[in-house]
Amino acid sequence: MIAMTLAEIAEITGGELQNIDGAAITSAYPIINSQDADVNTFFAAFVGEKVDGHNFIEEAISKGCEFALVSKACKFPSIKVIDVQMALTKLATHLRTKLENLTVIGITGSQGKTTTKDLLNHVLSIAGETIAPQESLNNELGVPLLLLRCNENTKFCIVEMGARHLGDIAYLAEIAKPNIGVVLGVGKAHVGEFGSREVIAKTKSELISGIQSGGIAILGTYDEFTPKMIAPNGVKTLMFGEKSDCDIRAADIEVREGRAHFDLVTPDGRAAVSLQLLGMHQIANALATAAVATALKISIDSISAALSTAEVSSKWRMEISTVNEIVMINDSYNANPESMSAALRTLALISQETGGVSWAFLGKMQELGESSAAEHRAIGRLATEIGIDHLVAIGNREYLDDLAGENDGGESAVHYFEDKESALSLVEHLAPGDVVLVKASRASEFNLLADSIIDHLKGEGE
């Protein structure tokens, strides 16, 4: 954070100093977990449904926090405000206006936000100090927390922007004031909450509307909504995709060992890219990253080299591991129809190359509303159509509704289990060369299933 006196922070947040000298100067940034406390931080004490952060102020201070931002009176050095979250928002908004040389890149889309963030962080770090969330800090709390990590030395700040309601992204854009806005695509994730893809598209377009004058809108061409988004006057638009008329595109695409290789084509030339990430769907994320880097005048050779060495750092997103010659793909962070389709196609590609049997352990896709049953049935059909050898539905029979019955899914053997623990009975049937995909929405905690399968393969399971 930029250096300010505690009195200035109190004034900006409408707070009251408690047990602390207002003349003291700080550049500490906020944390909300006392385990993360050190001398460079201050502690924001939130009152949650189950946990009251005020109970952890003493621990945070003992670990080095300069002060706490609180909504209750306390005996420790603190600034007392009416609402801690709103206070952080006011502070982040103030900081953003002070950092005139900071370039903020906002990213939204129905899928791929976190992977694109990781890729972009890798690429932009070559050109200057870059701040990006280690996890998905993409809401009204996460965005201020992220911005408040920036200071005068920060050149780029990458902000994921998620939404649950119309207007959410507009609110985040008002805080972050993005110079560059990226819309990856409009899919079916959260359609149960929004009601339709049209409303999702309108919500995602709020990022484009919030781009600062002189900025750049970067739009994917992978759905019918995103390319039609209109940028404000004074904002340039770049399109990315695999079509010949895209400003940033992929040409001569090949897939080897489940990873995409292609020529990156930009207005600056052409360069080869060999992604380290699994799946054809990663091409779109790489092109979005290349579009941002191109807009920021980074050379195409630097972009292609960085994309070819980048690995996603965020957990449970197409993580690949091998145990006893069995390949495990852990993509358990989240699931929607588009990402589920991409993961299944990646599974099919890799198993074809290994010559082994493909296993898809699938859990429920959440928040699909009235289309949920139809979308699950469609994924079940897709698995059989592309030749997945074993379709394992866990906790949701809808994947199998359009199939004739268990063990009668055409070229696929189909299985159903009520819970993750029961599905582990199939592990004994895995053989060297086989490829296993584990995927479901985050609430299903399929990361635990992936860990259990690995433990059993190592002989460490119960």
Protein backbone atom coordinates (compact mmCIF):
# COMPACT_ATOMS: atom_id res chain seq x y z
CA MET A 1 0.00 0.00 0.00
CA ILE A 2 1.10 3.60 -0.35
CA ALA A 3 2.44 5.31 2.75
CA MET A 4 -0.18 7.17 4.81
CA THR A 5 -0.58 8.29 8.36
CA LEU A 6 -3.02 6.38 10.49
CA ALA A 7 -4.97 9.62 10.89
CA GLU A 8 -5.35 9.80 7.10
CA ILE A 9 -6.60 6.22 6.97
CA ALA A 10 -9.09 6.99 9.73
CA GLU A 11 -10.31 10.04 7.80
CA ILE A 12 -10.67 8.12 4.51
CA THR A 13 -12.54 5.25 6.16
CA GLY A 14 -14.62 7.40 8.52
CA GLY A 15 -12.95 5.65 11.44
CA GLU A 16 -11.88 6.44 14.97
CA LEU A 17 -8.34 5.88 16.27
CA GLN A 18 -8.07 3.55 19.28
CA ASN A 19 -4.90 3.09 21.34
CA ILE A 20 -2.69 4.31 18.51
CA ASP A 21 -0.80 7.41 17.38
CA GLY A 22 -2.47 8.99 14.37
CA ALA A 23 0.80 10.59 13.26
CA ALA A 24 2.41 7.19 12.71
CA ILE A 25 3.04 6.40 9.04
CA THR A 26 2.24 3.00 7.58
CA SER A 27 2.36 1.26 4.22
CA ALA A 28 0.96 -2.02 5.56
CA TYR A 29 -1.59 -3.90 3.48
CA PRO A 30 -4.66 -5.69 4.86
CA ILE A 31 -5.06 -9.37 5.65
CA ILE A 32 -8.15 -11.18 6.93
CA ASN A 33 -6.46 -14.33 8.26
CA SER A 34 -4.32 -13.90 11.37
CA GLN A 35 -2.09 -16.75 10.13
CA ASP A 36 -0.87 -14.40 7.37
CA ALA A 37 0.14 -11.64 9.79
CA ASP A 38 3.60 -10.06 9.71
CA VAL A 39 5.18 -6.63 10.06
CA ASN A 40 4.01 -5.59 6.58
CA THR A 41 0.31 -6.08 7.29
CA PHE A 42 -2.68 -4.82 9.22
CA PHE A 43 -5.55 -7.05 10.30
CA ALA A 44 -9.10 -6.51 9.03
CA ALA A 45 -11.43 -8.04 11.61
CA PHE A 46 -14.58 -9.33 9.93
CA VAL A 47 -17.61 -10.63 11.76
CA GLY A 48 -18.68 -13.74 9.86
CA GLU A 49 -21.53 -16.17 10.32
CA LYS A 50 -19.35 -18.60 12.23
CA VAL A 51 -16.15 -16.71 13.09
CA ASP A 52 -15.60 -13.25 14.57
CA GLY A 53 -12.29 -11.81 13.44
CA HIS A 54 -12.14 -9.66 16.54
CA ASN A 55 -11.24 -12.82 18.47
CA PHE A 56 -7.99 -13.06 16.49
CA ILE A 57 -6.74 -9.49 16.81
CA GLU A 58 -4.34 -10.32 19.63
CA GLU A 59 -2.78 -13.14 17.60
CA ALA A 60 -2.40 -10.91 14.54
CA ILE A 61 -0.80 -8.10 16.56
CA SER A 62 1.57 -10.57 18.25
CA LYS A 63 2.75 -11.74 14.84
CA GLY A 64 3.63 -8.22 13.76
CA CYS A 65 0.47 -6.52 12.44
CA GLU A 66 0.77 -2.76 12.98
CA PHE A 67 -2.91 -2.32 13.85
CA ALA A 68 -6.37 -3.73 13.28
CA LEU A 69 -9.34 -2.39 11.35
CA VAL A 70 -12.34 -3.18 13.55
CA SER A 71 -16.06 -2.56 13.98
CA LYS A 72 -16.00 -3.07 17.76
CA ALA A 73 -14.17 -1.34 20.56
CA CYS A 74 -10.97 -3.16 21.50
CA LYS A 75 -7.88 -2.67 23.65
CA PHE A 76 -5.37 -3.11 20.82
CA PRO A 77 -4.02 -0.51 18.37
CA SER A 78 -6.88 -0.11 15.93
CA ILE A 79 -9.12 2.02 13.78
CA LYS A 80 -12.80 1.51 14.55
CA VAL A 81 -15.20 1.86 11.60
CA ILE A 82 -18.88 1.19 11.06
CA ASP A 83 -18.31 -1.47 8.39
CA VAL A 84 -14.91 -3.10 7.80
CA GLN A 85 -15.62 -4.17 4.22
CA MET A 86 -16.85 -0.72 3.23
CA ALA A 87 -13.84 0.84 4.93
CA LEU A 88 -11.49 -1.33 2.84
CA THR A 89 -13.42 -0.36 -0.29
CA LYS A 90 -13.03 3.35 0.51
CA LEU A 91 -9.33 2.86 1.16
CA ALA A 92 -8.82 0.89 -2.09
CA THR A 93 -10.74 3.49 -4.10
CA HIS A 94 -8.55 6.23 -2.64
CA LEU A 95 -5.35 4.30 -3.39
CA ARG A 96 -6.42 3.68 -6.99
CA THR A 97 -6.79 7.41 -7.63
CA LYS A 98 -3.30 8.03 -6.23
CA LEU A 99 -1.53 5.40 -8.37
CA GLU A 100 -1.87 7.13 -11.71
CA ASN A 101 0.90 5.05 -13.34
CA LEU A 102 -0.65 1.73 -12.32
CA THR A 103 -2.18 -0.32 -15.14
CA VAL A 104 -5.14 -2.38 -13.95
CA ILE A 105 -6.24 -5.34 -16.07
CA GLY A 106 -9.72 -6.68 -15.32
CA ILE A 107 -10.63 -10.22 -16.37
CA THR A 108 -14.08 -11.78 -16.45
CA GLY A 109 -15.78 -14.68 -18.20
CA SER A 110 -17.76 -17.80 -17.47
CA GLN A 111 -14.61 -19.91 -17.39
CA GLY A 112 -10.87 -19.48 -17.62
CA LYS A 113 -10.49 -16.37 -15.41
CA THR A 114 -8.04 -17.90 -12.97
CA THR A 115 -5.95 -19.69 -15.58
CA THR A 116 -5.72 -16.51 -17.66
CA LYS A 117 -4.77 -14.59 -14.53
CA ASP A 118 -1.96 -17.05 -13.83
CA LEU A 119 -0.69 -16.90 -17.43
CA LEU A 120 -0.87 -13.12 -17.49
CA ASN A 121 0.96 -12.83 -14.19
CA HIS A 122 3.76 -14.95 -15.63
CA VAL A 123 3.98 -12.88 -18.81
CA LEU A 124 3.67 -9.40 -17.29
CA SER A 125 6.16 -10.10 -14.52
CA ILE A 126 8.81 -9.95 -17.23
CA ALA A 127 7.94 -6.30 -17.86
CA GLY A 128 7.52 -5.02 -14.31
CA GLU A 129 6.27 -5.58 -10.79
CA THR A 130 2.91 -7.31 -11.04
CA ILE A 131 0.26 -7.90 -8.40
CA ALA A 132 -2.20 -10.77 -8.95
CA PRO A 133 -4.38 -12.75 -6.55
CA GLN A 134 -2.95 -16.05 -5.37
CA GLU A 135 -6.52 -17.30 -5.17
CA SER A 136 -9.78 -16.14 -6.72
CA LEU A 137 -10.19 -12.77 -4.98
CA ASN A 138 -12.87 -11.79 -7.47
CA ASN A 139 -15.63 -10.24 -5.34
CA GLU A 140 -16.45 -7.07 -3.40
CA LEU A 141 -14.03 -8.06 -0.63
CA GLY A 142 -11.28 -9.65 -2.69
CA VAL A 143 -10.81 -6.79 -5.15
CA PRO A 144 -10.11 -4.14 -2.47
CA LEU A 145 -7.77 -6.55 -0.66
CA LEU A 146 -5.85 -7.06 -3.90
CA LEU A 147 -5.65 -3.37 -4.86
CA LEU A 148 -4.37 -2.48 -1.40
CA ARG A 149 -1.29 -4.63 -2.05
CA CYS A 150 -0.23 -2.19 -4.76
CA ASN A 151 2.21 0.67 -4.22
CA GLU A 152 4.22 3.19 -6.26
CA ASN A 153 6.47 0.40 -7.58
CA THR A 154 3.62 -1.72 -8.90
CA LYS A 155 3.35 -1.56 -12.68
CA PHE A 156 0.47 -3.98 -13.30
CA CYS A 157 -2.44 -5.23 -11.21
CA ILE A 158 -4.47 -8.17 -12.52
CA VAL A 159 -8.01 -8.28 -11.14
CA GLU A 160 -10.43 -11.18 -11.57
CA MET A 161 -14.03 -10.05 -11.56
CA GLY A 162 -16.79 -12.51 -10.76
CA ALA A 163 -20.51 -11.88 -10.36
CA ARG A 164 -23.60 -13.34 -8.76
CA HIS A 165 -25.97 -10.55 -9.77
CA LEU A 166 -26.41 -7.93 -12.43
CA GLY A 167 -24.40 -4.89 -11.37
CA ASP A 168 -21.70 -6.78 -9.42
CA ILE A 169 -18.99 -6.26 -12.04
CA ALA A 170 -19.95 -2.61 -12.53
CA TYR A 171 -19.39 -2.15 -8.79
CA LEU A 172 -15.96 -3.82 -8.94
CA ALA A 173 -14.98 -1.80 -12.01
CA GLU A 174 -15.85 1.42 -10.21
CA ILE A 175 -13.33 0.47 -7.50
CA ALA A 176 -10.57 -0.89 -9.75
CA LYS A 177 -10.97 1.52 -12.69
CA PRO A 178 -9.47 -0.91 -15.23
CA ASN A 179 -7.29 0.33 -18.07
CA ILE A 180 -7.72 -2.97 -19.89
CA GLY A 181 -10.78 -5.20 -19.70
CA VAL A 182 -10.84 -8.82 -20.87
CA VAL A 183 -14.01 -10.82 -21.46
CA LEU A 184 -13.09 -14.44 -22.12
CA GLY A 185 -16.58 -15.65 -22.97
CA VAL A 186 -20.17 -16.08 -21.92
CA GLY A 187 -21.14 -19.61 -20.94
CA LYS A 188 -23.75 -21.36 -18.83
CA ALA A 189 -22.03 -21.14 -15.43
CA HIS A 190 -24.41 -19.58 -12.86
CA VAL A 191 -27.28 -19.49 -15.34
CA GLY A 192 -29.46 -20.71 -12.48
CA GLU A 193 -28.82 -17.45 -10.66
CA PHE A 194 -28.94 -15.09 -13.63
CA GLY A 195 -31.82 -16.73 -15.46
CA SER A 196 -30.34 -16.66 -18.97
CA ARG A 197 -27.10 -16.33 -20.90
CA GLU A 198 -28.32 -12.95 -22.15
CA VAL A 199 -28.31 -11.62 -18.59
CA ILE A 200 -24.89 -13.19 -17.97
CA ALA A 201 -23.60 -11.42 -21.10
CA LYS A 202 -25.02 -8.10 -19.90
CA THR A 203 -23.28 -8.58 -16.56
CA LYS A 204 -19.92 -9.46 -18.14
CA SER A 205 -20.18 -6.42 -20.43
CA GLU A 206 -20.18 -4.19 -17.34
CA LEU A 207 -16.40 -4.64 -17.28
CA ILE A 208 -16.12 -3.24 -20.80
CA SER A 209 -18.34 -0.30 -19.90
CA GLY A 210 -16.09 0.42 -16.92
CA ILE A 211 -12.81 0.71 -18.86
CA GLN A 212 -11.12 4.08 -18.46
CA SER A 213 -10.88 6.42 -21.44
CA GLY A 214 -7.81 5.59 -23.50
CA GLY A 215 -8.00 1.95 -22.43
CA ILE A 216 -8.46 -1.27 -24.36
CA ALA A 217 -11.29 -3.83 -24.48
CA ILE A 218 -10.16 -7.38 -25.28
CA LEU A 219 -12.94 -9.69 -26.42
CA GLY A 220 -13.01 -13.41 -27.12
CA THR A 221 -14.74 -14.81 -30.19
CA TYR A 222 -15.81 -18.17 -28.74
CA ASP A 223 -19.50 -17.40 -28.20
CA GLU A 224 -22.19 -15.29 -29.83
CA PHE A 225 -22.36 -12.61 -27.13
CA THR A 226 -18.82 -11.46 -26.33
CA PRO A 227 -17.78 -10.16 -29.78
CA LYS A 228 -20.85 -7.89 -29.83
CA MET A 229 -19.98 -6.05 -26.62
CA ILE A 230 -19.60 -2.33 -27.26
CA ALA A 231 -16.69 -0.39 -25.77
CA PRO A 232 -17.16 3.22 -24.62
CA ASN A 233 -15.90 6.10 -26.73
CA GLY A 234 -12.14 6.42 -26.46
CA VAL A 235 -11.64 2.70 -25.77
CA LYS A 236 -9.99 0.53 -28.43
CA THR A 237 -11.17 -3.05 -29.07
CA LEU A 238 -9.02 -6.11 -29.81
CA MET A 239 -10.51 -9.49 -30.73
CA PHE A 240 -8.82 -12.81 -30.03
CA GLY A 241 -9.61 -16.30 -31.24
CA GLU A 242 -8.88 -18.80 -33.98
CA LYS A 243 -10.59 -17.03 -36.88
CA SER A 244 -8.56 -15.35 -39.57
CA ASP A 245 -10.02 -11.91 -38.89
CA CYS A 246 -9.04 -11.83 -35.19
CA ASP A 247 -6.43 -9.29 -34.13
CA ILE A 248 -4.72 -11.92 -31.99
CA ARG A 249 -5.12 -15.49 -33.23
CA ALA A 250 -3.79 -19.04 -33.19
CA ALA A 251 -2.80 -20.71 -36.46
CA ASP A 252 -1.52 -24.17 -37.39
CA ILE A 253 -2.79 -25.75 -34.18
CA GLU A 254 -1.51 -29.17 -33.17
CA VAL A 255 -2.00 -31.25 -30.01
CA ARG A 256 0.77 -33.38 -28.53
CA GLU A 257 0.47 -35.17 -25.19
CA GLY A 258 -2.76 -33.29 -24.55
CA ARG A 259 -1.09 -29.90 -24.91
CA ALA A 260 -1.65 -27.33 -27.64
CA HIS A 261 1.07 -26.12 -29.96
CA PHE A 262 0.35 -23.26 -32.36
CA ASP A 263 1.64 -20.17 -34.07
CA LEU A 264 0.70 -16.96 -32.30
CA VAL A 265 -0.24 -14.32 -34.86
CA THR A 266 -0.45 -10.65 -33.85
CA PRO A 267 -0.07 -7.30 -35.64
CA ASP A 268 3.62 -7.55 -34.65
CA GLY A 269 4.29 -10.85 -36.39
CA ARG A 270 4.19 -14.60 -35.84
CA ALA A 271 5.86 -16.83 -33.23
CA ALA A 272 5.57 -20.44 -32.11
CA VAL A 273 3.93 -21.32 -28.77
CA SER A 274 4.07 -24.69 -27.00
CA LEU A 275 1.74 -24.62 -24.00
CA GLN A 276 2.56 -26.59 -20.86
CA LEU A 277 -1.12 -26.61 -19.86
CA LEU A 278 -3.46 -29.49 -20.62
CA GLY A 279 -6.30 -29.14 -23.08
CA MET A 280 -7.28 -27.41 -26.30
CA HIS A 281 -9.39 -24.96 -24.30
CA GLN A 282 -6.18 -23.40 -22.97
CA ILE A 283 -5.59 -21.82 -26.37
CA ALA A 284 -8.28 -19.22 -25.66
CA ASN A 285 -6.72 -18.35 -22.30
CA ALA A 286 -3.28 -18.05 -23.91
CA LEU A 287 -4.63 -15.80 -26.68
CA ALA A 288 -6.36 -13.53 -24.16
CA THR A 289 -3.03 -13.24 -22.33
CA ALA A 290 -1.19 -12.53 -25.58
CA ALA A 291 -3.73 -9.83 -26.46
CA VAL A 292 -3.14 -8.01 -23.16
CA ALA A 293 0.62 -8.29 -23.52
CA THR A 294 0.45 -7.05 -27.12
CA ALA A 295 -1.65 -4.08 -26.02
CA LEU A 296 1.05 -3.30 -23.44
CA LYS A 297 3.77 -3.30 -26.13
CA ILE A 298 5.52 -6.46 -24.96
CA SER A 299 7.38 -8.09 -27.87
CA ILE A 300 5.86 -11.13 -29.53
CA ASP A 301 9.02 -13.14 -28.90
CA SER A 302 8.78 -12.41 -25.17
CA ILE A 303 5.09 -13.33 -25.18
CA SER A 304 5.59 -16.64 -26.97
CA ALA A 305 8.54 -17.60 -24.76
CA ALA A 306 6.62 -16.79 -21.57
CA LEU A 307 3.49 -18.66 -22.69
CA SER A 308 5.62 -21.69 -23.54
CA THR A 309 7.08 -21.87 -20.03
CA ALA A 310 4.04 -20.85 -17.96
CA GLU A 311 2.41 -23.27 -15.55
CA VAL A 312 -0.83 -22.60 -13.68
CA SER A 313 -0.14 -22.05 -9.99
CA SER A 314 -3.74 -22.19 -8.75
CA LYS A 315 -4.88 -25.45 -7.18
CA TRP A 316 -7.06 -28.19 -8.69
CA ARG A 317 -7.21 -26.80 -12.23
CA MET A 318 -6.17 -29.49 -14.69
CA GLU A 319 -3.44 -30.62 -12.30
CA ILE A 320 -1.73 -33.67 -13.69
CA SER A 321 0.20 -36.30 -11.77
CA THR A 322 1.33 -39.86 -12.44
CA VAL A 323 1.24 -42.71 -9.93
CA ASN A 324 2.31 -46.23 -10.92
CA GLU A 325 2.04 -45.23 -14.60
CA ILE A 326 -1.58 -44.11 -14.10
CA VAL A 327 -2.25 -40.50 -15.07
CA MET A 328 -4.48 -38.42 -12.78
CA ILE A 329 -6.12 -35.17 -13.98
CA ASN A 330 -7.45 -33.23 -10.99
CA ASP A 331 -9.81 -30.52 -12.27
CA SER A 332 -11.93 -30.36 -9.14
CA TYR A 333 -11.94 -26.61 -8.51
CA ASN A 334 -15.17 -26.01 -10.38
CA ALA A 335 -17.42 -27.28 -13.15
CA ASN A 336 -19.86 -25.98 -15.73
CA PRO A 337 -20.95 -27.39 -19.10
CA GLU A 338 -18.16 -25.68 -21.04
CA SER A 339 -15.33 -26.63 -18.70
CA MET A 340 -16.71 -30.16 -18.29
CA SER A 341 -16.75 -30.63 -22.06
CA ALA A 342 -13.19 -29.30 -22.35
CA ALA A 343 -11.94 -31.60 -19.59
CA LEU A 344 -13.56 -34.68 -21.13
CA ARG A 345 -12.04 -33.92 -24.53
CA THR A 346 -8.64 -33.53 -22.89
CA LEU A 347 -9.11 -36.88 -21.15
CA ALA A 348 -9.92 -38.50 -24.48
CA LEU A 349 -6.83 -37.00 -26.14
CA ILE A 350 -4.42 -38.08 -23.43
CA SER A 351 -5.79 -41.61 -23.14
CA GLN A 352 -5.49 -42.02 -26.91
CA GLU A 353 -1.83 -41.11 -26.64
CA THR A 354 -1.12 -43.37 -23.65
CA GLY A 355 -3.10 -46.22 -25.16
CA GLY A 356 -4.79 -46.77 -21.80
CA VAL A 357 -8.37 -46.74 -20.58
CA SER A 358 -10.08 -43.41 -19.84
CA TRP A 359 -12.03 -42.92 -16.59
CA ALA A 360 -14.21 -39.87 -15.90
CA PHE A 361 -15.28 -39.47 -12.26
CA LEU A 362 -17.91 -36.73 -12.49
CA GLY A 363 -19.90 -34.96 -9.78
CA LYS A 364 -22.66 -32.40 -9.93
CA MET A 365 -22.40 -29.13 -11.83
CA GLN A 366 -23.96 -26.54 -9.53
CA GLU A 367 -26.02 -23.41 -10.23
CA LEU A 368 -27.48 -24.41 -13.60
CA GLY A 369 -31.07 -23.73 -12.59
CA GLU A 370 -33.85 -25.21 -14.69
CA SER A 371 -31.38 -26.38 -17.33
CA SER A 372 -29.46 -28.55 -14.85
CA ALA A 373 -30.95 -31.92 -15.84
CA ALA A 374 -30.57 -31.24 -19.55
CA GLU A 375 -26.97 -30.07 -19.17
CA HIS A 376 -25.97 -33.12 -17.13
CA ARG A 377 -27.61 -35.42 -19.68
CA ALA A 378 -25.73 -33.64 -22.48
CA ILE A 379 -22.40 -34.20 -20.75
CA GLY A 380 -23.25 -37.86 -20.29
CA ARG A 381 -23.98 -38.16 -24.02
CA LEU A 382 -20.78 -36.32 -24.89
CA ALA A 383 -18.68 -38.70 -22.78
CA THR A 384 -20.04 -41.68 -24.69
CA GLU A 385 -19.81 -39.95 -28.09
CA ILE A 386 -16.12 -39.12 -27.74
CA GLY A 387 -15.28 -42.59 -26.48
CA ILE A 388 -14.64 -42.18 -22.76
CA ASP A 389 -14.25 -45.79 -21.65
CA HIS A 390 -15.74 -45.44 -18.16
CA LEU A 391 -18.24 -42.76 -17.19
CA VAL A 392 -18.51 -42.70 -13.39
CA ALA A 393 -21.39 -40.54 -12.15
CA ILE A 394 -21.27 -39.71 -8.44
CA GLY A 395 -24.21 -38.22 -6.58
CA ASN A 396 -26.08 -37.28 -9.77
CA ARG A 397 -27.83 -39.85 -11.98
CA GLU A 398 -28.73 -37.21 -14.58
CA TYR A 399 -25.46 -37.90 -16.42
CA LEU A 400 -26.88 -41.35 -17.22
CA ASP A 401 -30.51 -40.45 -17.98
CA ASP A 402 -30.10 -40.55 -21.76
CA LEU A 403 -28.10 -43.75 -21.65
CA ALA A 404 -29.74 -47.15 -21.73
CA GLY A 405 -28.60 -48.12 -18.26
CA GLU A 406 -25.62 -48.97 -16.14
CA ASN A 407 -22.91 -50.77 -18.11
CA ASP A 408 -24.83 -50.04 -21.32
CA GLY A 409 -23.61 -46.64 -22.47
CA GLY A 410 -22.64 -47.57 -26.01
CA GLU A 411 -18.87 -47.62 -26.23
CA SER A 412 -18.66 -46.41 -22.65
CA ALA A 413 -19.17 -48.45 -19.51
CA VAL A 414 -21.26 -46.39 -17.10
CA HIS A 415 -21.32 -46.54 -13.33
CA TYR A 416 -23.27 -44.76 -10.61
CA PHE A 417 -22.34 -44.22 -6.96
CA GLU A 418 -24.16 -42.20 -4.32
CA ASP A 419 -20.95 -40.86 -2.78
CA LYS A 420 -17.23 -40.42 -3.34
CA GLU A 421 -16.25 -43.13 -0.89
CA SER A 422 -18.22 -45.80 -2.75
CA ALA A 423 -16.65 -44.79 -6.06
CA LEU A 424 -13.21 -45.70 -4.71
CA SER A 425 -14.13 -49.35 -5.29
CA LEU A 426 -13.23 -48.81 -8.95
CA VAL A 427 -9.60 -47.96 -8.19
CA GLU A 428 -8.64 -51.63 -8.12
CA HIS A 429 -9.59 -51.84 -11.79
CA LEU A 430 -7.11 -49.14 -12.87
CA ALA A 431 -4.07 -50.33 -14.79
CA PRO A 432 -0.81 -48.78 -16.05
CA GLY A 433 -1.49 -46.44 -18.96
CA ASP A 434 -4.98 -45.52 -17.76
CA VAL A 435 -6.00 -41.87 -17.45
CA VAL A 436 -8.37 -40.64 -14.72
CA LEU A 437 -10.29 -37.34 -14.70
CA VAL A 438 -11.87 -36.07 -11.45
CA LYS A 439 -14.21 -33.11 -11.91
CA ALA A 440 -17.21 -31.47 -10.19
CA SER A 441 -18.26 -28.12 -8.82
CA ARG A 442 -16.23 -26.94 -5.85
CA ALA A 443 -18.99 -27.61 -3.32
CA SER A 444 -18.68 -31.34 -4.01
CA GLU A 445 -15.08 -31.36 -2.72
CA PHE A 446 -13.83 -33.73 -5.40
CA ASN A 447 -10.29 -32.65 -4.53
CA LEU A 448 -10.71 -35.11 -1.65
CA LEU A 449 -11.68 -37.84 -4.09
CA ALA A 450 -8.60 -37.11 -6.20
CA ASP A 451 -6.40 -37.34 -3.10
CA SER A 452 -8.06 -40.61 -2.05
CA ILE A 453 -7.55 -42.18 -5.48
CA ILE A 454 -3.88 -41.23 -5.40
CA ASP A 455 -3.51 -42.62 -1.87
CA HIS A 456 -5.09 -45.92 -2.95
CA LEU A 457 -2.81 -46.12 -5.98
CA LYS A 458 0.16 -45.64 -3.69
CA GLY A 459 -1.17 -48.35 -1.39
CA GLU A 460 -1.86 -45.82 1.38
CA GLY A 461 -5.69 -45.96 1.29
CA GLU A 462 -7.81 -47.75 3.83
